[in-house]
């Protein structure tokens, strides 16, 4: 990786709303680029201007690298908060671990909020809206879709168009709202996609 590639990645990541595909070695490449820039040898007789320029270039590279990392972190958190699935093929290994941790904590918080909303409701009222044991849902994919990290931290997919899958209800709901899947309903041996 060089400074031009890093700038291009930073600009694209800042201008697009969704995560952009990065090489899996992105963060190690950036670390190497920063190390090389910082360790640029001082040549005897080098004027002060050249030294100042080298220091400024290092600071710019560092700002671009942290800008990419922070922007991607926000996109991951925003996607999990809005119950959208984070496509694992868009993440580096470091980001995959982060996305799993965020999904667990936010999923736990959403469950807490849902349970809080159920306090004070009579048991017969709870079962009338949706059974508590309904944690998984069968869906049919309308188009090809990359692998995702479920709220249960399991990896699901990748999927092809017309694939049937059983997903955690939170993930299934997010995919339905995005128009990626349809819920599959079973009634007396007849299957229908709603």
C-alpha atoms as a PDB file:
ATOM      1  CA  UNK A   1       0.000   0.000   0.000  1.00  0.00           C
ATOM      2  CA  UNK A   2       1.151   3.530  -0.730  1.00  0.00           C
ATOM      3  CA  UNK A   3      -0.165   6.960   0.206  1.00  0.00           C
ATOM      4  CA  UNK A   4      -2.240   7.283  -2.991  1.00  0.00           C
ATOM      5  CA  UNK A   5      -4.055   3.995  -2.300  1.00  0.00           C
ATOM      6  CA  UNK A   6      -4.689   5.017   1.300  1.00  0.00           C
ATOM      7  CA  UNK A   7      -6.084   8.373   0.166  1.00  0.00           C
ATOM      8  CA  UNK A   8      -8.359   6.663  -2.389  1.00  0.00           C
ATOM      9  CA  UNK A   9      -9.673   4.253   0.284  1.00  0.00           C
ATOM     10  CA  UNK A  10     -10.237   7.126   2.739  1.00  0.00           C
ATOM     11  CA  UNK A  11     -12.095   9.220   0.141  1.00  0.00           C
ATOM     12  CA  UNK A  12     -14.307   6.314  -0.970  1.00  0.00           C
ATOM     13  CA  UNK A  13     -15.096   5.247   2.604  1.00  0.00           C
ATOM     14  CA  UNK A  14     -16.032   8.819   3.557  1.00  0.00           C
ATOM     15  CA  UNK A  15     -18.247   9.376   0.505  1.00  0.00           C
ATOM     16  CA  UNK A  16     -20.181   6.070   0.541  1.00  0.00           C
ATOM     17  CA  UNK A  17     -22.871   5.224   3.103  1.00  0.00           C
ATOM     18  CA  UNK A  18     -22.068   1.519   3.203  1.00  0.00           C
ATOM     19  CA  UNK A  19     -18.876  -0.330   4.063  1.00  0.00           C
ATOM     20  CA  UNK A  20     -16.490  -0.689   1.163  1.00  0.00           C
ATOM     21  CA  UNK A  21     -14.521  -3.841   0.415  1.00  0.00           C
ATOM     22  CA  UNK A  22     -10.998  -3.734   1.846  1.00  0.00           C
ATOM     23  CA  UNK A  23      -8.173  -6.237   1.483  1.00  0.00           C
ATOM     24  CA  UNK A  24      -7.964  -8.503   4.536  1.00  0.00           C
ATOM     25  CA  UNK A  25      -4.419  -7.199   5.121  1.00  0.00           C
ATOM     26  CA  UNK A  26      -5.522  -3.540   5.156  1.00  0.00           C
ATOM     27  CA  UNK A  27      -4.596  -2.753   8.770  1.00  0.00           C
ATOM     28  CA  UNK A  28      -1.220  -4.521   8.620  1.00  0.00           C
ATOM     29  CA  UNK A  29      -0.496  -2.730   5.319  1.00  0.00           C
ATOM     30  CA  UNK A  30      -1.348   0.615   6.932  1.00  0.00           C
ATOM     31  CA  UNK A  31       0.820  -0.191   9.929  1.00  0.00           C
ATOM     32  CA  UNK A  32       3.743  -0.983   7.608  1.00  0.00           C
ATOM     33  CA  UNK A  33       3.167   2.228   5.599  1.00  0.00           C
ATOM     34  CA  UNK A  34       3.157   4.342   8.772  1.00  0.00           C
ATOM     35  CA  UNK A  35       6.271   2.613  10.128  1.00  0.00           C
ATOM     36  CA  UNK A  36       8.131   3.182   6.872  1.00  0.00           C
ATOM     37  CA  UNK A  37       7.042   6.821   6.727  1.00  0.00           C
ATOM     38  CA  UNK A  38       8.049   7.511  10.321  1.00  0.00           C
ATOM     39  CA  UNK A  39      11.359   5.708   9.968  1.00  0.00           C
ATOM     40  CA  UNK A  40      12.376   7.593   6.816  1.00  0.00           C
ATOM     41  CA  UNK A  41      16.122   8.050   7.207  1.00  0.00           C
ATOM     42  CA  UNK A  42      17.504  11.508   7.783  1.00  0.00           C
ATOM     43  CA  UNK A  43      20.091  12.110   5.108  1.00  0.00           C
ATOM     44  CA  UNK A  44      23.193  14.065   6.157  1.00  0.00           C
ATOM     45  CA  UNK A  45      22.957  17.536   4.710  1.00  0.00           C
ATOM     46  CA  UNK A  46      19.171  17.232   4.357  1.00  0.00           C
ATOM     47  CA  UNK A  47      17.654  20.634   4.813  1.00  0.00           C
ATOM     48  CA  UNK A  48      15.128  21.391   7.497  1.00  0.00           C
ATOM     49  CA  UNK A  49      12.373  21.805   4.889  1.00  0.00           C
ATOM     50  CA  UNK A  50      12.689  18.160   3.770  1.00  0.00           C
ATOM     51  CA  UNK A  51      12.520  16.960   7.379  1.00  0.00           C
ATOM     52  CA  UNK A  52       9.419  19.064   8.049  1.00  0.00           C
ATOM     53  CA  UNK A  53       7.774  17.707   4.870  1.00  0.00           C
ATOM     54  CA  UNK A  54       8.495  14.112   5.958  1.00  0.00           C
ATOM     55  CA  UNK A  55       6.941  14.764   9.374  1.00  0.00           C
ATOM     56  CA  UNK A  56       3.863  16.364   7.775  1.00  0.00           C
ATOM     57  CA  UNK A  57       3.443  13.437   5.386  1.00  0.00           C
ATOM     58  CA  UNK A  58       3.524  11.016   8.341  1.00  0.00           C
ATOM     59  CA  UNK A  59       0.861  13.055  10.145  1.00  0.00           C
ATOM     60  CA  UNK A  60      -1.351  13.089   7.031  1.00  0.00           C
ATOM     61  CA  UNK A  61      -0.992   9.331   6.550  1.00  0.00           C
ATOM     62  CA  UNK A  62      -1.840   8.757  10.205  1.00  0.00           C
ATOM     63  CA  UNK A  63      -4.905  11.013   9.909  1.00  0.00           C
ATOM     64  CA  UNK A  64      -6.099   9.159   6.790  1.00  0.00           C
ATOM     65  CA  UNK A  65      -5.606   5.759   8.446  1.00  0.00           C
ATOM     66  CA  UNK A  66      -7.466   6.701  11.614  1.00  0.00           C
ATOM     67  CA  UNK A  67     -10.166   8.364   9.512  1.00  0.00           C
ATOM     68  CA  UNK A  68     -10.788   5.110   7.610  1.00  0.00           C
ATOM     69  CA  UNK A  69     -10.832   3.049  10.829  1.00  0.00           C
ATOM     70  CA  UNK A  70     -13.199   5.438  12.657  1.00  0.00           C
ATOM     71  CA  UNK A  71     -15.573   5.766   9.694  1.00  0.00           C
ATOM     72  CA  UNK A  72     -15.795   1.995   9.320  1.00  0.00           C
ATOM     73  CA  UNK A  73     -16.322   1.577  13.068  1.00  0.00           C
ATOM     74  CA  UNK A  74     -19.263   4.008  12.945  1.00  0.00           C
ATOM     75  CA  UNK A  75     -20.777   2.222   9.948  1.00  0.00           C
ATOM     76  CA  UNK A  76     -20.561  -1.142  11.741  1.00  0.00           C
ATOM     77  CA  UNK A  77     -22.133   0.234  14.934  1.00  0.00           C
ATOM     78  CA  UNK A  78     -24.844   2.098  13.007  1.00  0.00           C
ATOM     79  CA  UNK A  79     -25.733  -1.056  11.048  1.00  0.00           C
ATOM     80  CA  UNK A  80     -25.984  -3.162  14.220  1.00  0.00           C
ATOM     81  CA  UNK A  81     -27.993  -0.458  16.035  1.00  0.00           C
ATOM     82  CA  UNK A  82     -30.479  -0.270  13.181  1.00  0.00           C
ATOM     83  CA  UNK A  83     -30.653  -4.086  13.139  1.00  0.00           C
ATOM     84  CA  UNK A  84     -29.146  -4.337   9.688  1.00  0.00           C
ATOM     85  CA  UNK A  85     -26.824  -7.190   8.866  1.00  0.00           C
ATOM     86  CA  UNK A  86     -23.136  -6.524   8.454  1.00  0.00           C
ATOM     87  CA  UNK A  87     -21.750  -8.412   5.450  1.00  0.00           C
ATOM     88  CA  UNK A  88     -18.650 -10.281   6.608  1.00  0.00           C
ATOM     89  CA  UNK A  89     -17.050 -10.144   3.163  1.00  0.00           C
ATOM     90  CA  UNK A  90     -16.751  -6.358   3.561  1.00  0.00           C
ATOM     91  CA  UNK A  91     -14.860  -6.653   6.858  1.00  0.00           C
ATOM     92  CA  UNK A  92     -11.231  -7.254   7.703  1.00  0.00           C
ATOM     93  CA  UNK A  93     -10.532  -9.966  10.317  1.00  0.00           C
ATOM     94  CA  UNK A  94     -10.085  -7.290  12.998  1.00  0.00           C
ATOM     95  CA  UNK A  95     -13.423  -5.706  12.089  1.00  0.00           C
ATOM     96  CA  UNK A  96     -15.183  -9.088  12.083  1.00  0.00           C
ATOM     97  CA  UNK A  97     -14.205  -9.611  15.731  1.00  0.00           C
ATOM     98  CA  UNK A  98     -15.360  -6.080  16.570  1.00  0.00           C
ATOM     99  CA  UNK A  99     -18.695  -6.547  14.739  1.00  0.00           C
ATOM    100  CA  UNK A 100     -19.362  -9.784  16.645  1.00  0.00           C
ATOM    101  CA  UNK A 101     -18.718  -8.087  19.996  1.00  0.00           C
ATOM    102  CA  UNK A 102     -20.927  -5.125  19.110  1.00  0.00           C
ATOM    103  CA  UNK A 103     -23.707  -7.449  17.896  1.00  0.00           C
ATOM    104  CA  UNK A 104     -23.652  -9.363  21.194  1.00  0.00           C
ATOM    105  CA  UNK A 105     -23.802  -6.271  23.388  1.00  0.00           C
ATOM    106  CA  UNK A 106     -26.430  -4.462  21.350  1.00  0.00           C
ATOM    107  CA  UNK A 107     -28.459  -7.670  20.929  1.00  0.00           C
ATOM    108  CA  UNK A 108     -28.406  -8.140  24.717  1.00  0.00           C
ATOM    109  CA  UNK A 109     -29.530  -4.547  25.180  1.00  0.00           C
ATOM    110  CA  UNK A 110     -32.397  -4.918  22.688  1.00  0.00           C
ATOM    111  CA  UNK A 111     -33.529  -8.092  24.498  1.00  0.00           C
ATOM    112  CA  UNK A 112     -33.402  -6.194  27.799  1.00  0.00           C
ATOM    113  CA  UNK A 113     -35.517  -3.403  26.293  1.00  0.00           C
ATOM    114  CA  UNK A 114     -38.024  -5.916  24.889  1.00  0.00           C
ATOM    115  CA  UNK A 115     -38.278  -7.676  28.265  1.00  0.00           C
ATOM    116  CA  UNK A 116     -38.707  -4.313  29.967  1.00  0.00           C
ATOM    117  CA  UNK A 117     -41.582  -3.592  27.583  1.00  0.00           C
ATOM    118  CA  UNK A 118     -43.188  -6.888  28.633  1.00  0.00           C
ATOM    119  CA  UNK A 119     -43.194  -6.047  32.370  1.00  0.00           C
ATOM    120  CA  UNK A 120     -46.643  -5.618  33.779  1.00  0.00           C
ATOM    121  CA  UNK A 121     -48.322  -7.436  30.889  1.00  0.00           C
ATOM    122  CA  UNK A 122     -50.428 -10.421  31.875  1.00  0.00           C
ATOM    123  CA  UNK A 123     -49.108 -13.778  30.594  1.00  0.00           C
ATOM    124  CA  UNK A 124     -52.105 -14.235  28.261  1.00  0.00           C
ATOM    125  CA  UNK A 125     -51.378 -10.835  26.685  1.00  0.00           C
ATOM    126  CA  UNK A 126     -47.738 -11.803  26.032  1.00  0.00           C
ATOM    127  CA  UNK A 127     -48.634 -14.954  24.151  1.00  0.00           C
ATOM    128  CA  UNK A 128     -51.287 -13.198  22.101  1.00  0.00           C
ATOM    129  CA  UNK A 129     -48.757 -11.026  20.260  1.00  0.00           C
ATOM    130  CA  UNK A 130     -45.904 -13.462  19.601  1.00  0.00           C
ATOM    131  CA  UNK A 131     -44.716 -16.661  21.226  1.00  0.00           C
ATOM    132  CA  UNK A 132     -41.582 -16.270  23.336  1.00  0.00           C
ATOM    133  CA  UNK A 133     -39.948 -19.386  21.857  1.00  0.00           C
ATOM    134  CA  UNK A 134     -40.092 -17.938  18.308  1.00  0.00           C
ATOM    135  CA  UNK A 135     -36.399 -17.040  18.112  1.00  0.00           C
ATOM    136  CA  UNK A 136     -35.652 -18.343  14.598  1.00  0.00           C
ATOM    137  CA  UNK A 137     -37.393 -17.627  11.338  1.00  0.00           C
ATOM    138  CA  UNK A 138     -37.321 -19.297   7.926  1.00  0.00           C
ATOM    139  CA  UNK A 139     -36.709 -16.931   5.025  1.00  0.00           C
ATOM    140  CA  UNK A 140     -36.235 -17.170   1.256  1.00  0.00           C
ATOM    141  CA  UNK A 141     -33.498 -15.077  -0.341  1.00  0.00           C
ATOM    142  CA  UNK A 142     -34.603 -13.001  -3.327  1.00  0.00           C
ATOM    143  CA  UNK A 143     -31.056 -12.461  -4.617  1.00  0.00           C
ATOM    144  CA  UNK A 144     -27.489 -13.522  -3.887  1.00  0.00           C
ATOM    145  CA  UNK A 145     -26.292 -12.172  -0.537  1.00  0.00           C
ATOM    146  CA  UNK A 146     -22.921 -12.380   1.289  1.00  0.00           C
ATOM    147  CA  UNK A 147     -22.394 -14.086   4.625  1.00  0.00           C
ATOM    148  CA  UNK A 148     -23.623 -12.210   7.708  1.00  0.00           C
ATOM    149  CA  UNK A 149     -22.942 -12.332  11.420  1.00  0.00           C
ATOM    150  CA  UNK A 150     -26.136 -13.173  13.301  1.00  0.00           C
ATOM    151  CA  UNK A 151     -27.089 -11.713  16.660  1.00  0.00           C
ATOM    152  CA  UNK A 152     -26.130 -15.122  18.062  1.00  0.00           C
ATOM    153  CA  UNK A 153     -22.578 -14.574  16.710  1.00  0.00           C
ATOM    154  CA  UNK A 154     -22.899 -17.412  14.198  1.00  0.00           C
ATOM    155  CA  UNK A 155     -21.968 -16.807  10.588  1.00  0.00           C
ATOM    156  CA  UNK A 156     -24.786 -17.435   8.118  1.00  0.00           C
ATOM    157  CA  UNK A 157     -24.312 -17.738   4.377  1.00  0.00           C
ATOM    158  CA  UNK A 158     -23.304 -16.747   1.838  1.00  0.00           C
ATOM    159  CA  UNK A 159     -26.654 -17.191   0.114  1.00  0.00           C
ATOM    160  CA  UNK A 160     -27.820 -17.636  -3.454  1.00  0.00           C
ATOM    161  CA  UNK A 161     -31.152 -16.410  -4.834  1.00  0.00           C
ATOM    162  CA  UNK A 162     -33.997 -18.765  -3.806  1.00  0.00           C
ATOM    163  CA  UNK A 163     -32.025 -20.266  -0.886  1.00  0.00           C
ATOM    164  CA  UNK A 164     -34.071 -21.042   2.219  1.00  0.00           C
ATOM    165  CA  UNK A 165     -32.419 -20.309   5.549  1.00  0.00           C
ATOM    166  CA  UNK A 166     -33.283 -20.314   9.229  1.00  0.00           C
ATOM    167  CA  UNK A 167     -32.005 -17.096  10.798  1.00  0.00           C
ATOM    168  CA  UNK A 168     -32.376 -15.394  14.173  1.00  0.00           C
ATOM    169  CA  UNK A 169     -35.593 -13.388  14.090  1.00  0.00           C
ATOM    170  CA  UNK A 170     -33.746 -10.064  14.555  1.00  0.00           C
ATOM    171  CA  UNK A 171     -31.588 -10.701  11.481  1.00  0.00           C
ATOM    172  CA  UNK A 172     -34.525 -12.020   9.463  1.00  0.00           C
ATOM    173  CA  UNK A 173     -36.559  -8.887  10.259  1.00  0.00           C
ATOM    174  CA  UNK A 174     -33.713  -6.614   9.176  1.00  0.00           C
ATOM    175  CA  UNK A 175     -33.318  -8.493   5.888  1.00  0.00           C
ATOM    176  CA  UNK A 176     -37.075  -8.371   5.245  1.00  0.00           C
ATOM    177  CA  UNK A 177     -37.091  -4.599   5.769  1.00  0.00           C
ATOM    178  CA  UNK A 178     -34.166  -4.281   3.333  1.00  0.00           C
ATOM    179  CA  UNK A 179     -36.053  -6.310   0.715  1.00  0.00           C
ATOM    180  CA  UNK A 180     -33.397  -9.021   0.615  1.00  0.00           C
ATOM    181  CA  UNK A 181     -35.591 -11.899   1.842  1.00  0.00           C
ATOM    182  CA  UNK A 182     -39.206 -12.895   2.293  1.00  0.00           C
ATOM    183  CA  UNK A 183     -40.577 -14.722   5.299  1.00  0.00           C
ATOM    184  CA  UNK A 184     -41.648 -18.292   4.645  1.00  0.00           C
ATOM    185  CA  UNK A 185     -44.931 -19.285   6.269  1.00  0.00           C
ATOM    186  CA  UNK A 186     -45.980 -22.898   6.785  1.00  0.00           C
ATOM    187  CA  UNK A 187     -49.636 -23.819   7.196  1.00  0.00           C
ATOM    188  CA  UNK A 188     -51.062 -27.345   6.956  1.00  0.00           C
ATOM    189  CA  UNK A 189     -48.381 -28.590   4.603  1.00  0.00           C
ATOM    190  CA  UNK A 190     -48.630 -25.621   2.254  1.00  0.00           C
ATOM    191  CA  UNK A 191     -45.650 -23.303   2.035  1.00  0.00           C
ATOM    192  CA  UNK A 192     -46.051 -19.664   1.115  1.00  0.00           C
ATOM    193  CA  UNK A 193     -43.663 -16.739   0.986  1.00  0.00           C
ATOM    194  CA  UNK A 194     -45.202 -13.585   2.375  1.00  0.00           C
END
